[in-house]
């Protein structure tokens, strides 16, 4: 009788193990960006951190993308769970201000809303950079009229910001637009297939560094045009920034521009536990040191800078974390 009981107990345990599904980690696909941009470099840096790979609560995977707008759309639709989005794009997306450009194949320029995308933390600031050839006759934004300009690939933060700024200035429909990513734009620029190209990423941009290898580049002062046209009043998430001499080969003077904040975001459908766990892994001395070693633009990231530039609601998991750190009251 004793052995029968032991056998039955063992059989029950075996059947229970067979029919009970194994614990499944929560899947997190993290949207980066195009080659030559900082989004993808940072996404890879997070992915390569061993505690992220070894985390018990989630399985982390990086996916390249066109950039800020595509990340926001895919996260809202459930194709990604996290990613990097510019603060301005996030504000416009959550306030039904993102528009489809007829040139991207859509039927109309109509507002779209993305309400499932929530902020997690600030990452870095990205200056707008309008790159021209050394000695170019292009000295201001207005001089771009009739010129071939790389404005970023559709779906990227570069594209959405160039469209926003150039439309505000009144020259969007007066330039020959090339919808290509950073590295492709740099190569086309070096081959004299572009008169200028637009970059919206942290300094220094690998693509601009590549473009400047031969003869150097000039960066156009777009900050004054922004100030004179009330750009900052219309779009208050942008702020002025000075690009310093030596940022790239050929840049020899201070150049006024504007910048936005790159924000780590997550879907509202991602559990608060996973978001909290990821922040708890990254915002440690070890985690911050790893990010700083992987990318110079993350050397200033800290608990104190956790939510600067964020003007939209925090994910519940992020809100819990930042409240515990006394960053959110």
C-alpha atoms as a PDB file:
ATOM      1  CA  UNK A   1       0.000   0.000   0.000  1.00  0.00           C
ATOM      2  CA  UNK A   2       2.840   2.343   0.873  1.00  0.00           C
ATOM      3  CA  UNK A   3       4.522   1.813  -2.495  1.00  0.00           C
ATOM      4  CA  UNK A   4       1.195   2.282  -4.298  1.00  0.00           C
ATOM      5  CA  UNK A   5       0.771   5.676  -2.637  1.00  0.00           C
ATOM      6  CA  UNK A   6       4.315   6.665  -3.552  1.00  0.00           C
ATOM      7  CA  UNK A   7       3.724   5.543  -7.150  1.00  0.00           C
ATOM      8  CA  UNK A   8       0.430   7.447  -7.421  1.00  0.00           C
ATOM      9  CA  UNK A   9       2.002  10.587  -5.934  1.00  0.00           C
ATOM     10  CA  UNK A  10       4.921  10.385  -8.365  1.00  0.00           C
ATOM     11  CA  UNK A  11       2.556   9.822 -11.277  1.00  0.00           C
ATOM     12  CA  UNK A  12       0.470  12.841 -10.284  1.00  0.00           C
ATOM     13  CA  UNK A  13       3.581  15.000 -10.092  1.00  0.00           C
ATOM     14  CA  UNK A  14       4.724  13.833 -13.513  1.00  0.00           C
ATOM     15  CA  UNK A  15       1.330  14.442 -15.097  1.00  0.00           C
ATOM     16  CA  UNK A  16       1.137  17.865 -13.450  1.00  0.00           C
ATOM     17  CA  UNK A  17       4.543  18.817 -14.852  1.00  0.00           C
ATOM     18  CA  UNK A  18       3.531  17.576 -18.287  1.00  0.00           C
ATOM     19  CA  UNK A  19       0.212  19.403 -18.516  1.00  0.00           C
ATOM     20  CA  UNK A  20       1.240  22.619 -16.705  1.00  0.00           C
ATOM     21  CA  UNK A  21       2.903  25.087 -19.127  1.00  0.00           C
ATOM     22  CA  UNK A  22       6.380  26.248 -18.207  1.00  0.00           C
ATOM     23  CA  UNK A  23       6.748  29.808 -16.939  1.00  0.00           C
ATOM     24  CA  UNK A  24       6.903  32.075 -19.959  1.00  0.00           C
ATOM     25  CA  UNK A  25       8.967  35.228 -19.803  1.00  0.00           C
ATOM     26  CA  UNK A  26       7.245  38.401 -20.973  1.00  0.00           C
ATOM     27  CA  UNK A  27       8.451  39.206 -24.486  1.00  0.00           C
ATOM     28  CA  UNK A  28       9.922  42.657 -24.980  1.00  0.00           C
ATOM     29  CA  UNK A  29      10.779  43.781 -28.519  1.00  0.00           C
ATOM     30  CA  UNK A  30      12.648  47.078 -28.281  1.00  0.00           C
ATOM     31  CA  UNK A  31      12.552  49.407 -31.303  1.00  0.00           C
ATOM     32  CA  UNK A  32      15.864  51.039 -32.161  1.00  0.00           C
ATOM     33  CA  UNK A  33      16.476  53.007 -35.352  1.00  0.00           C
ATOM     34  CA  UNK A  34      18.250  53.073 -38.716  1.00  0.00           C
ATOM     35  CA  UNK A  35      21.937  52.374 -39.296  1.00  0.00           C
ATOM     36  CA  UNK A  36      24.121  55.363 -38.472  1.00  0.00           C
ATOM     37  CA  UNK A  37      21.744  56.694 -35.835  1.00  0.00           C
ATOM     38  CA  UNK A  38      22.016  56.835 -32.059  1.00  0.00           C
ATOM     39  CA  UNK A  39      18.687  55.041 -31.453  1.00  0.00           C
ATOM     40  CA  UNK A  40      20.046  51.728 -32.704  1.00  0.00           C
ATOM     41  CA  UNK A  41      23.357  52.117 -30.869  1.00  0.00           C
ATOM     42  CA  UNK A  42      21.559  52.665 -27.574  1.00  0.00           C
ATOM     43  CA  UNK A  43      19.062  49.851 -28.144  1.00  0.00           C
ATOM     44  CA  UNK A  44      22.001  47.499 -28.731  1.00  0.00           C
ATOM     45  CA  UNK A  45      23.771  48.811 -25.625  1.00  0.00           C
ATOM     46  CA  UNK A  46      20.761  47.962 -23.451  1.00  0.00           C
ATOM     47  CA  UNK A  47      20.439  44.545 -25.096  1.00  0.00           C
ATOM     48  CA  UNK A  48      24.114  43.718 -24.549  1.00  0.00           C
ATOM     49  CA  UNK A  49      23.998  44.372 -20.799  1.00  0.00           C
ATOM     50  CA  UNK A  50      24.272  40.923 -19.183  1.00  0.00           C
ATOM     51  CA  UNK A  51      21.733  41.503 -16.371  1.00  0.00           C
ATOM     52  CA  UNK A  52      19.171  42.400 -19.071  1.00  0.00           C
ATOM     53  CA  UNK A  53      19.925  39.160 -20.910  1.00  0.00           C
ATOM     54  CA  UNK A  54      19.726  37.163 -17.683  1.00  0.00           C
ATOM     55  CA  UNK A  55      16.555  38.805 -16.325  1.00  0.00           C
ATOM     56  CA  UNK A  56      14.002  36.342 -15.002  1.00  0.00           C
ATOM     57  CA  UNK A  57      10.873  38.318 -15.833  1.00  0.00           C
ATOM     58  CA  UNK A  58      11.303  39.150 -19.508  1.00  0.00           C
ATOM     59  CA  UNK A  59      13.052  38.214 -22.738  1.00  0.00           C
ATOM     60  CA  UNK A  60      14.596  41.255 -24.429  1.00  0.00           C
ATOM     61  CA  UNK A  61      15.037  41.593 -28.192  1.00  0.00           C
ATOM     62  CA  UNK A  62      16.136  44.552 -30.317  1.00  0.00           C
ATOM     63  CA  UNK A  63      14.577  45.393 -33.673  1.00  0.00           C
ATOM     64  CA  UNK A  64      15.887  48.055 -36.046  1.00  0.00           C
ATOM     65  CA  UNK A  65      13.367  50.527 -37.438  1.00  0.00           C
ATOM     66  CA  UNK A  66      12.978  53.745 -39.381  1.00  0.00           C
ATOM     67  CA  UNK A  67      13.052  55.623 -36.069  1.00  0.00           C
ATOM     68  CA  UNK A  68      10.857  57.624 -33.722  1.00  0.00           C
ATOM     69  CA  UNK A  69       7.529  57.660 -35.585  1.00  0.00           C
ATOM     70  CA  UNK A  70       7.713  54.016 -36.666  1.00  0.00           C
ATOM     71  CA  UNK A  71       8.583  52.960 -33.113  1.00  0.00           C
ATOM     72  CA  UNK A  72       5.578  54.835 -31.768  1.00  0.00           C
ATOM     73  CA  UNK A  73       3.228  53.346 -34.374  1.00  0.00           C
ATOM     74  CA  UNK A  74       4.447  49.786 -33.834  1.00  0.00           C
ATOM     75  CA  UNK A  75       4.331  50.037 -30.052  1.00  0.00           C
ATOM     76  CA  UNK A  76       0.783  51.387 -30.224  1.00  0.00           C
ATOM     77  CA  UNK A  77      -0.211  48.547 -32.577  1.00  0.00           C
ATOM     78  CA  UNK A  78       1.446  45.850 -30.459  1.00  0.00           C
ATOM     79  CA  UNK A  79       4.282  45.017 -32.849  1.00  0.00           C
ATOM     80  CA  UNK A  80       6.849  46.287 -30.338  1.00  0.00           C
ATOM     81  CA  UNK A  81       6.719  46.617 -26.579  1.00  0.00           C
ATOM     82  CA  UNK A  82       9.387  49.281 -26.002  1.00  0.00           C
ATOM     83  CA  UNK A  83      11.550  51.662 -27.983  1.00  0.00           C
ATOM     84  CA  UNK A  84      12.980  55.152 -28.317  1.00  0.00           C
ATOM     85  CA  UNK A  85      10.815  58.103 -29.364  1.00  0.00           C
ATOM     86  CA  UNK A  86      11.423  61.830 -29.382  1.00  0.00           C
ATOM     87  CA  UNK A  87       9.552  63.751 -26.723  1.00  0.00           C
ATOM     88  CA  UNK A  88       7.874  66.012 -29.275  1.00  0.00           C
ATOM     89  CA  UNK A  89       6.701  63.078 -31.403  1.00  0.00           C
ATOM     90  CA  UNK A  90       5.362  61.412 -28.254  1.00  0.00           C
ATOM     91  CA  UNK A  91       3.480  64.561 -27.234  1.00  0.00           C
ATOM     92  CA  UNK A  92       1.972  64.961 -30.696  1.00  0.00           C
ATOM     93  CA  UNK A  93       1.114  61.274 -30.893  1.00  0.00           C
ATOM     94  CA  UNK A  94      -0.734  61.253 -27.585  1.00  0.00           C
ATOM     95  CA  UNK A  95      -2.533  64.488 -28.502  1.00  0.00           C
ATOM     96  CA  UNK A  96      -3.673  63.420 -31.989  1.00  0.00           C
ATOM     97  CA  UNK A  97      -1.220  65.751 -33.727  1.00  0.00           C
ATOM     98  CA  UNK A  98       0.812  63.223 -35.774  1.00  0.00           C
ATOM     99  CA  UNK A  99      -0.123  63.543 -39.444  1.00  0.00           C
ATOM    100  CA  UNK A 100       0.337  61.153 -42.314  1.00  0.00           C
ATOM    101  CA  UNK A 101       2.255  62.799 -45.134  1.00  0.00           C
ATOM    102  CA  UNK A 102       0.601  62.250 -48.546  1.00  0.00           C
ATOM    103  CA  UNK A 103       4.098  61.669 -49.968  1.00  0.00           C
ATOM    104  CA  UNK A 104       4.425  58.482 -47.901  1.00  0.00           C
ATOM    105  CA  UNK A 105       1.601  56.824 -49.840  1.00  0.00           C
ATOM    106  CA  UNK A 106      -1.300  57.738 -47.553  1.00  0.00           C
ATOM    107  CA  UNK A 107      -4.451  59.231 -49.001  1.00  0.00           C
ATOM    108  CA  UNK A 108      -4.623  62.325 -46.835  1.00  0.00           C
ATOM    109  CA  UNK A 109      -2.730  64.409 -44.337  1.00  0.00           C
ATOM    110  CA  UNK A 110      -4.945  63.543 -41.358  1.00  0.00           C
ATOM    111  CA  UNK A 111      -4.178  63.534 -37.609  1.00  0.00           C
ATOM    112  CA  UNK A 112      -3.441  60.192 -35.984  1.00  0.00           C
ATOM    113  CA  UNK A 113      -3.377  59.311 -32.295  1.00  0.00           C
ATOM    114  CA  UNK A 114      -1.186  56.830 -30.412  1.00  0.00           C
ATOM    115  CA  UNK A 115      -2.513  56.442 -26.888  1.00  0.00           C
ATOM    116  CA  UNK A 116      -0.798  53.230 -25.787  1.00  0.00           C
ATOM    117  CA  UNK A 117       2.737  54.676 -25.784  1.00  0.00           C
ATOM    118  CA  UNK A 118       3.944  55.818 -22.360  1.00  0.00           C
ATOM    119  CA  UNK A 119       7.188  57.380 -21.158  1.00  0.00           C
ATOM    120  CA  UNK A 120       9.742  55.388 -19.157  1.00  0.00           C
ATOM    121  CA  UNK A 121      12.810  57.627 -18.881  1.00  0.00           C
ATOM    122  CA  UNK A 122      14.916  60.332 -20.517  1.00  0.00           C
ATOM    123  CA  UNK A 123      17.955  59.117 -22.473  1.00  0.00           C
ATOM    124  CA  UNK A 124      19.753  62.015 -24.173  1.00  0.00           C
ATOM    125  CA  UNK A 125      19.254  65.261 -26.100  1.00  0.00           C
ATOM    126  CA  UNK A 126      19.362  65.336 -29.890  1.00  0.00           C
ATOM    127  CA  UNK A 127      20.275  68.508 -31.819  1.00  0.00           C
ATOM    128  CA  UNK A 128      19.008  69.197 -35.323  1.00  0.00           C
ATOM    129  CA  UNK A 129      21.921  69.427 -37.775  1.00  0.00           C
ATOM    130  CA  UNK A 130      21.599  70.805 -41.303  1.00  0.00           C
ATOM    131  CA  UNK A 131      24.760  69.679 -43.088  1.00  0.00           C
ATOM    132  CA  UNK A 132      26.154  71.333 -46.239  1.00  0.00           C
ATOM    133  CA  UNK A 133      29.414  71.142 -48.179  1.00  0.00           C
ATOM    134  CA  UNK A 134      32.326  73.285 -47.018  1.00  0.00           C
ATOM    135  CA  UNK A 135      32.176  76.597 -48.882  1.00  0.00           C
ATOM    136  CA  UNK A 136      28.593  75.964 -50.022  1.00  0.00           C
ATOM    137  CA  UNK A 137      26.475  78.878 -51.210  1.00  0.00           C
ATOM    138  CA  UNK A 138      23.829  77.659 -48.760  1.00  0.00           C
ATOM    139  CA  UNK A 139      24.193  79.944 -45.756  1.00  0.00           C
ATOM    140  CA  UNK A 140      20.671  79.831 -44.308  1.00  0.00           C
ATOM    141  CA  UNK A 141      17.535  77.704 -44.393  1.00  0.00           C
ATOM    142  CA  UNK A 142      16.004  79.940 -47.078  1.00  0.00           C
ATOM    143  CA  UNK A 143      18.915  79.113 -49.396  1.00  0.00           C
ATOM    144  CA  UNK A 144      17.702  75.507 -49.606  1.00  0.00           C
ATOM    145  CA  UNK A 145      15.003  76.471 -52.099  1.00  0.00           C
ATOM    146  CA  UNK A 146      15.398  74.344 -55.230  1.00  0.00           C
ATOM    147  CA  UNK A 147      18.186  72.260 -53.656  1.00  0.00           C
ATOM    148  CA  UNK A 148      18.414  68.465 -53.214  1.00  0.00           C
ATOM    149  CA  UNK A 149      18.051  67.798 -49.499  1.00  0.00           C
ATOM    150  CA  UNK A 150      18.134  64.520 -47.566  1.00  0.00           C
ATOM    151  CA  UNK A 151      15.301  64.947 -45.058  1.00  0.00           C
ATOM    152  CA  UNK A 152      15.408  61.507 -43.394  1.00  0.00           C
ATOM    153  CA  UNK A 153      13.605  58.292 -44.105  1.00  0.00           C
ATOM    154  CA  UNK A 154       9.820  58.337 -43.672  1.00  0.00           C
ATOM    155  CA  UNK A 155       8.957  57.021 -40.225  1.00  0.00           C
ATOM    156  CA  UNK A 156      12.011  58.545 -38.580  1.00  0.00           C
ATOM    157  CA  UNK A 157      12.245  61.364 -36.060  1.00  0.00           C
ATOM    158  CA  UNK A 158      14.585  63.109 -38.493  1.00  0.00           C
ATOM    159  CA  UNK A 159      11.899  63.116 -41.167  1.00  0.00           C
ATOM    160  CA  UNK A 160       9.079  64.249 -38.867  1.00  0.00           C
ATOM    161  CA  UNK A 161      11.207  67.062 -37.425  1.00  0.00           C
ATOM    162  CA  UNK A 162      12.554  68.259 -40.766  1.00  0.00           C
ATOM    163  CA  UNK A 163       9.026  68.320 -42.124  1.00  0.00           C
ATOM    164  CA  UNK A 164       7.791  70.197 -39.063  1.00  0.00           C
ATOM    165  CA  UNK A 165      10.574  72.794 -39.179  1.00  0.00           C
ATOM    166  CA  UNK A 166      10.755  73.299 -42.945  1.00  0.00           C
ATOM    167  CA  UNK A 167       6.958  73.569 -43.157  1.00  0.00           C
ATOM    168  CA  UNK A 168       6.976  76.143 -40.359  1.00  0.00           C
ATOM    169  CA  UNK A 169       9.683  78.128 -42.169  1.00  0.00           C
ATOM    170  CA  UNK A 170       7.780  77.840 -45.449  1.00  0.00           C
ATOM    171  CA  UNK A 171      10.202  75.881 -47.657  1.00  0.00           C
ATOM    172  CA  UNK A 172       9.040  72.244 -47.320  1.00  0.00           C
ATOM    173  CA  UNK A 173       7.387  72.337 -50.737  1.00  0.00           C
ATOM    174  CA  UNK A 174      10.259  74.296 -52.282  1.00  0.00           C
ATOM    175  CA  UNK A 175      13.060  71.751 -51.832  1.00  0.00           C
ATOM    176  CA  UNK A 176      13.827  68.515 -53.700  1.00  0.00           C
ATOM    177  CA  UNK A 177      13.323  66.050 -50.880  1.00  0.00           C
ATOM    178  CA  UNK A 178      15.225  62.775 -50.640  1.00  0.00           C
ATOM    179  CA  UNK A 179      13.747  60.330 -48.130  1.00  0.00           C
ATOM    180  CA  UNK A 180      16.869  58.418 -47.119  1.00  0.00           C
ATOM    181  CA  UNK A 181      18.498  57.405 -43.849  1.00  0.00           C
ATOM    182  CA  UNK A 182      21.626  58.873 -42.326  1.00  0.00           C
ATOM    183  CA  UNK A 183      24.302  56.604 -43.761  1.00  0.00           C
ATOM    184  CA  UNK A 184      22.757  56.614 -47.244  1.00  0.00           C
ATOM    185  CA  UNK A 185      22.484  60.405 -47.061  1.00  0.00           C
ATOM    186  CA  UNK A 186      26.143  60.690 -46.046  1.00  0.00           C
ATOM    187  CA  UNK A 187      27.230  58.562 -49.015  1.00  0.00           C
ATOM    188  CA  UNK A 188      25.015  60.496 -51.440  1.00  0.00           C
ATOM    189  CA  UNK A 189      26.358  63.755 -50.005  1.00  0.00           C
ATOM    190  CA  UNK A 190      29.980  62.641 -50.520  1.00  0.00           C
ATOM    191  CA  UNK A 191      29.110  61.732 -54.120  1.00  0.00           C
ATOM    192  CA  UNK A 192      27.643  65.246 -54.643  1.00  0.00           C
ATOM    193  CA  UNK A 193      24.169  63.789 -55.128  1.00  0.00           C
ATOM    194  CA  UNK A 194      22.827  65.980 -52.317  1.00  0.00           C
ATOM    195  CA  UNK A 195      23.300  69.676 -51.628  1.00  0.00           C
ATOM    196  CA  UNK A 196      22.457  69.205 -47.953  1.00  0.00           C
ATOM    197  CA  UNK A 197      21.105  66.667 -45.525  1.00  0.00           C
ATOM    198  CA  UNK A 198      19.271  66.806 -42.229  1.00  0.00           C
ATOM    199  CA  UNK A 199      20.304  64.892 -39.123  1.00  0.00           C
ATOM    200  CA  UNK A 200      18.392  64.792 -35.848  1.00  0.00           C
ATOM    201  CA  UNK A 201      20.510  62.821 -33.411  1.00  0.00           C
ATOM    202  CA  UNK A 202      23.115  63.143 -30.700  1.00  0.00           C
ATOM    203  CA  UNK A 203      26.519  64.682 -31.335  1.00  0.00           C
ATOM    204  CA  UNK A 204      28.658  63.557 -32.979  1.00  0.00           C
ATOM    205  CA  UNK A 205      26.626  61.719 -35.597  1.00  0.00           C
ATOM    206  CA  UNK A 206      28.612  58.847 -37.201  1.00  0.00           C
ATOM    207  CA  UNK A 207      26.929  59.675 -40.516  1.00  0.00           C
ATOM    208  CA  UNK A 208      28.025  63.327 -40.444  1.00  0.00           C
ATOM    209  CA  UNK A 209      31.507  62.258 -39.372  1.00  0.00           C
ATOM    210  CA  UNK A 210      31.559  60.005 -42.444  1.00  0.00           C
ATOM    211  CA  UNK A 211      30.338  62.820 -44.695  1.00  0.00           C
ATOM    212  CA  UNK A 212      33.059  65.134 -43.367  1.00  0.00           C
ATOM    213  CA  UNK A 213      35.968  62.737 -43.965  1.00  0.00           C
ATOM    214  CA  UNK A 214      37.044  64.149 -47.336  1.00  0.00           C
ATOM    215  CA  UNK A 215      36.660  67.913 -47.321  1.00  0.00           C
ATOM    216  CA  UNK A 216      34.842  68.611 -44.072  1.00  0.00           C
ATOM    217  CA  UNK A 217      31.336  70.019 -43.712  1.00  0.00           C
ATOM    218  CA  UNK A 218      29.545  73.164 -42.625  1.00  0.00           C
ATOM    219  CA  UNK A 219      26.563  73.199 -40.256  1.00  0.00           C
ATOM    220  CA  UNK A 220      23.921  75.826 -41.002  1.00  0.00           C
ATOM    221  CA  UNK A 221      22.661  78.074 -38.199  1.00  0.00           C
ATOM    222  CA  UNK A 222      18.990  77.097 -37.978  1.00  0.00           C
ATOM    223  CA  UNK A 223      18.518  78.345 -34.411  1.00  0.00           C
ATOM    224  CA  UNK A 224      18.121  81.980 -35.472  1.00  0.00           C
ATOM    225  CA  UNK A 225      15.482  81.052 -38.060  1.00  0.00           C
ATOM    226  CA  UNK A 226      13.649  79.089 -35.372  1.00  0.00           C
ATOM    227  CA  UNK A 227      13.730  82.045 -32.973  1.00  0.00           C
ATOM    228  CA  UNK A 228      12.666  84.606 -35.574  1.00  0.00           C
ATOM    229  CA  UNK A 229       9.702  82.494 -36.713  1.00  0.00           C
ATOM    230  CA  UNK A 230       8.296  81.720 -33.220  1.00  0.00           C
ATOM    231  CA  UNK A 231       9.147  78.052 -33.709  1.00  0.00           C
ATOM    232  CA  UNK A 232       9.789  77.584 -29.978  1.00  0.00           C
ATOM    233  CA  UNK A 233       6.462  79.159 -29.014  1.00  0.00           C
ATOM    234  CA  UNK A 234       4.618  76.916 -31.439  1.00  0.00           C
ATOM    235  CA  UNK A 235       6.508  73.762 -30.457  1.00  0.00           C
ATOM    236  CA  UNK A 236       7.634  74.335 -26.842  1.00  0.00           C
ATOM    237  CA  UNK A 237       9.285  70.933 -26.330  1.00  0.00           C
ATOM    238  CA  UNK A 238      12.245  72.122 -28.417  1.00  0.00           C
ATOM    239  CA  UNK A 239      15.043  74.160 -26.849  1.00  0.00           C
ATOM    240  CA  UNK A 240      18.097  75.969 -28.197  1.00  0.00           C
ATOM    241  CA  UNK A 241      21.502  74.312 -28.265  1.00  0.00           C
ATOM    242  CA  UNK A 242      24.921  75.429 -29.468  1.00  0.00           C
ATOM    243  CA  UNK A 243      26.942  73.096 -31.703  1.00  0.00           C
ATOM    244  CA  UNK A 244      30.555  73.699 -30.768  1.00  0.00           C
ATOM    245  CA  UNK A 245      33.554  74.201 -33.102  1.00  0.00           C
ATOM    246  CA  UNK A 246      35.279  70.908 -33.800  1.00  0.00           C
ATOM    247  CA  UNK A 247      32.076  68.870 -33.606  1.00  0.00           C
ATOM    248  CA  UNK A 248      32.995  67.704 -37.116  1.00  0.00           C
ATOM    249  CA  UNK A 249      35.864  68.284 -39.519  1.00  0.00           C
ATOM    250  CA  UNK A 250      35.366  71.732 -41.038  1.00  0.00           C
ATOM    251  CA  UNK A 251      33.105  73.133 -38.309  1.00  0.00           C
ATOM    252  CA  UNK A 252      35.051  76.106 -36.977  1.00  0.00           C
ATOM    253  CA  UNK A 253      32.509  78.279 -35.170  1.00  0.00           C
ATOM    254  CA  UNK A 254      29.599  78.109 -32.741  1.00  0.00           C
ATOM    255  CA  UNK A 255      26.392  77.195 -34.557  1.00  0.00           C
ATOM    256  CA  UNK A 256      22.976  77.784 -33.006  1.00  0.00           C
ATOM    257  CA  UNK A 257      20.443  74.983 -33.410  1.00  0.00           C
ATOM    258  CA  UNK A 258      17.554  73.392 -31.504  1.00  0.00           C
ATOM    259  CA  UNK A 259      17.139  70.039 -29.779  1.00  0.00           C
ATOM    260  CA  UNK A 260      14.600  67.572 -28.451  1.00  0.00           C
ATOM    261  CA  UNK A 261      14.851  64.785 -25.874  1.00  0.00           C
ATOM    262  CA  UNK A 262      15.061  61.115 -26.821  1.00  0.00           C
ATOM    263  CA  UNK A 263      12.744  59.164 -24.525  1.00  0.00           C
ATOM    264  CA  UNK A 264      12.620  55.479 -23.628  1.00  0.00           C
ATOM    265  CA  UNK A 265       8.972  54.436 -23.976  1.00  0.00           C
ATOM    266  CA  UNK A 266       6.852  51.348 -23.368  1.00  0.00           C
ATOM    267  CA  UNK A 267       3.431  50.101 -24.352  1.00  0.00           C
ATOM    268  CA  UNK A 268       0.703  50.537 -21.763  1.00  0.00           C
ATOM    269  CA  UNK A 269       0.167  46.781 -22.189  1.00  0.00           C
ATOM    270  CA  UNK A 270       3.644  45.937 -20.866  1.00  0.00           C
ATOM    271  CA  UNK A 271       3.342  44.919 -17.224  1.00  0.00           C
ATOM    272  CA  UNK A 272       4.377  47.418 -14.565  1.00  0.00           C
ATOM    273  CA  UNK A 273       6.602  44.717 -13.082  1.00  0.00           C
ATOM    274  CA  UNK A 274       8.698  44.397 -16.257  1.00  0.00           C
ATOM    275  CA  UNK A 275       9.140  48.160 -16.683  1.00  0.00           C
ATOM    276  CA  UNK A 276      10.058  48.494 -13.009  1.00  0.00           C
ATOM    277  CA  UNK A 277      12.520  45.590 -13.247  1.00  0.00           C
ATOM    278  CA  UNK A 278      14.212  47.023 -16.344  1.00  0.00           C
ATOM    279  CA  UNK A 279      14.666  50.427 -14.741  1.00  0.00           C
ATOM    280  CA  UNK A 280      15.988  48.746 -11.601  1.00  0.00           C
ATOM    281  CA  UNK A 281      18.583  46.939 -13.742  1.00  0.00           C
ATOM    282  CA  UNK A 282      19.672  49.919 -15.840  1.00  0.00           C
ATOM    283  CA  UNK A 283      19.689  52.583 -13.120  1.00  0.00           C
ATOM    284  CA  UNK A 284      22.396  50.957 -11.022  1.00  0.00           C
ATOM    285  CA  UNK A 285      26.046  51.977 -10.866  1.00  0.00           C
ATOM    286  CA  UNK A 286      26.884  48.950 -13.014  1.00  0.00           C
ATOM    287  CA  UNK A 287      24.123  49.630 -15.526  1.00  0.00           C
ATOM    288  CA  UNK A 288      24.889  53.317 -15.953  1.00  0.00           C
ATOM    289  CA  UNK A 289      28.601  52.574 -16.281  1.00  0.00           C
ATOM    290  CA  UNK A 290      27.853  50.032 -19.013  1.00  0.00           C
ATOM    291  CA  UNK A 291      25.732  52.500 -21.005  1.00  0.00           C
ATOM    292  CA  UNK A 292      28.344  55.250 -20.662  1.00  0.00           C
ATOM    293  CA  UNK A 293      31.017  52.872 -21.977  1.00  0.00           C
ATOM    294  CA  UNK A 294      28.854  51.857 -24.925  1.00  0.00           C
ATOM    295  CA  UNK A 295      27.847  55.337 -26.048  1.00  0.00           C
ATOM    296  CA  UNK A 296      29.285  58.752 -25.139  1.00  0.00           C
ATOM    297  CA  UNK A 297      25.835  60.340 -25.331  1.00  0.00           C
ATOM    298  CA  UNK A 298      24.793  58.361 -22.272  1.00  0.00           C
ATOM    299  CA  UNK A 299      27.614  59.557 -20.028  1.00  0.00           C
ATOM    300  CA  UNK A 300      25.319  62.116 -18.446  1.00  0.00           C
ATOM    301  CA  UNK A 301      22.422  59.782 -17.755  1.00  0.00           C
ATOM    302  CA  UNK A 302      21.603  59.399 -14.055  1.00  0.00           C
ATOM    303  CA  UNK A 303      18.734  58.994 -11.632  1.00  0.00           C
ATOM    304  CA  UNK A 304      18.627  62.784 -11.333  1.00  0.00           C
ATOM    305  CA  UNK A 305      18.048  63.185 -15.096  1.00  0.00           C
ATOM    306  CA  UNK A 306      15.483  60.391 -15.179  1.00  0.00           C
ATOM    307  CA  UNK A 307      12.453  62.314 -16.383  1.00  0.00           C
ATOM    308  CA  UNK A 308      13.798  65.585 -17.819  1.00  0.00           C
ATOM    309  CA  UNK A 309      12.198  66.465 -21.149  1.00  0.00           C
ATOM    310  CA  UNK A 310       9.196  64.199 -20.528  1.00  0.00           C
ATOM    311  CA  UNK A 311       5.899  66.035 -21.088  1.00  0.00           C
ATOM    312  CA  UNK A 312       3.573  63.004 -21.337  1.00  0.00           C
ATOM    313  CA  UNK A 313       2.298  60.422 -18.806  1.00  0.00           C
ATOM    314  CA  UNK A 314       4.709  57.904 -17.283  1.00  0.00           C
ATOM    315  CA  UNK A 315       4.136  54.165 -17.522  1.00  0.00           C
ATOM    316  CA  UNK A 316       2.833  52.860 -14.127  1.00  0.00           C
ATOM    317  CA  UNK A 317       6.001  50.777 -13.671  1.00  0.00           C
ATOM    318  CA  UNK A 318       8.144  53.848 -14.360  1.00  0.00           C
ATOM    319  CA  UNK A 319       6.062  56.025 -12.074  1.00  0.00           C
ATOM    320  CA  UNK A 320       6.565  53.526  -9.222  1.00  0.00           C
ATOM    321  CA  UNK A 321      10.332  53.447  -9.837  1.00  0.00           C
ATOM    322  CA  UNK A 322      10.772  57.226 -10.052  1.00  0.00           C
ATOM    323  CA  UNK A 323       8.600  57.805  -6.985  1.00  0.00           C
ATOM    324  CA  UNK A 324      10.827  55.430  -5.007  1.00  0.00           C
ATOM    325  CA  UNK A 325      13.840  57.435  -6.217  1.00  0.00           C
ATOM    326  CA  UNK A 326      12.095  60.692  -5.140  1.00  0.00           C
ATOM    327  CA  UNK A 327      12.315  61.974  -8.730  1.00  0.00           C
ATOM    328  CA  UNK A 328       8.508  62.001  -8.952  1.00  0.00           C
ATOM    329  CA  UNK A 329       6.627  63.372  -5.974  1.00  0.00           C
END
